[in-house]
Each structure stands twice: as structure tokens, then as C-alpha cells.
Protein backbone atom coordinates (compact mmCIF):
# COMPACT_ATOMS: atom_id res chain seq x y z
CA GLU A 1 -2.25 -11.30 -11.60
CA ASP A 2 -1.94 -12.41 -15.49
CA PHE A 3 1.88 -13.76 -14.52
CA LYS A 4 0.37 -15.96 -11.82
CA THR A 5 -2.26 -17.20 -13.81
CA VAL A 6 0.16 -18.55 -16.49
CA LEU A 7 2.53 -19.85 -13.90
CA LYS A 8 -0.57 -21.67 -12.19
CA GLU A 9 -1.69 -23.23 -15.85
CA HIS A 10 1.86 -24.75 -15.99
CA GLN A 11 1.79 -25.93 -12.14
CA LEU A 12 4.72 -23.45 -11.45
CA TRP A 13 2.96 -21.63 -8.61
CA TYR A 14 2.07 -22.59 -5.45
CA GLU A 15 -0.53 -21.70 -2.93
CA PRO A 16 0.23 -20.95 1.07
CA ASP A 17 -0.52 -24.32 2.35
CA HIS A 18 1.84 -25.88 -0.43
CA GLU A 19 5.19 -27.17 0.98
CA LEU A 20 6.78 -25.66 -2.02
CA TYR A 21 5.10 -22.31 -1.62
CA HIS A 22 8.40 -20.24 -0.64
CA GLN A 23 9.91 -21.35 -3.94
CA ASN A 24 7.29 -19.24 -5.80
CA PRO A 25 8.91 -16.55 -7.66
CA PRO A 26 8.91 -12.86 -6.96
CA ILE A 27 6.54 -10.97 -8.75
CA TYR A 28 7.52 -7.17 -9.67
CA GLU A 29 4.66 -4.77 -10.56
CA THR A 30 5.51 -3.18 -14.18
CA CYS A 31 3.62 -2.30 -17.15
CA ALA A 32 5.88 -2.68 -20.56
CA LEU A 33 4.38 0.11 -22.17
CA TYR A 34 6.01 2.55 -19.44
CA GLY A 35 9.76 1.55 -19.70
CA SER A 36 9.66 -0.66 -16.94
CA ARG A 37 10.44 -3.86 -19.30
CA LYS A 38 13.49 -5.08 -17.05
CA ASN A 39 11.13 -5.72 -14.10
CA ILE A 40 9.32 -8.36 -16.62
CA TYR A 41 12.37 -9.88 -17.68
CA ARG A 42 13.54 -10.13 -14.01
CA SER A 43 10.14 -12.13 -13.09
CA PHE A 44 10.85 -14.60 -15.93
CA ASP A 45 14.48 -14.83 -15.31
CA GLU A 46 13.62 -15.62 -11.51
CA CYS A 47 11.27 -18.31 -12.83
CA VAL A 48 13.86 -19.93 -15.01
CA ARG A 49 16.46 -20.02 -12.18
CA ARG A 50 14.21 -21.48 -9.90
CA ILE A 51 12.97 -24.38 -12.28
CA LEU A 52 16.47 -25.12 -13.54
């Protein structure tokens, strides 16, 4: 949810009724403390890919 909040603050997350909703990046459940840092990177990487 924190990730979505940041995206919403920067107008990079769309609600289901918005025409660009399908462009929302996938969000991977993860915790950086438990060795899943790759999933955090993948989430940000996908955001950047969709923005550019």
C-alpha cells in the first residue's frame, strides 16, 4: 500500500474507473529485510518502463 500511495501522490497510479487503469504497474509483495529486494527493484523498474 505504501508503494501505491507514493504513485498516487505523483499521479502515476490510476483507479479502476480511469481509462489508463490498465497501465498501472504490477506490485510485488515483498519485504526488503528478508532477501526479496529483487521484487522491489522489479516494481520500480516496471514503473519507469511504463513512464518512458
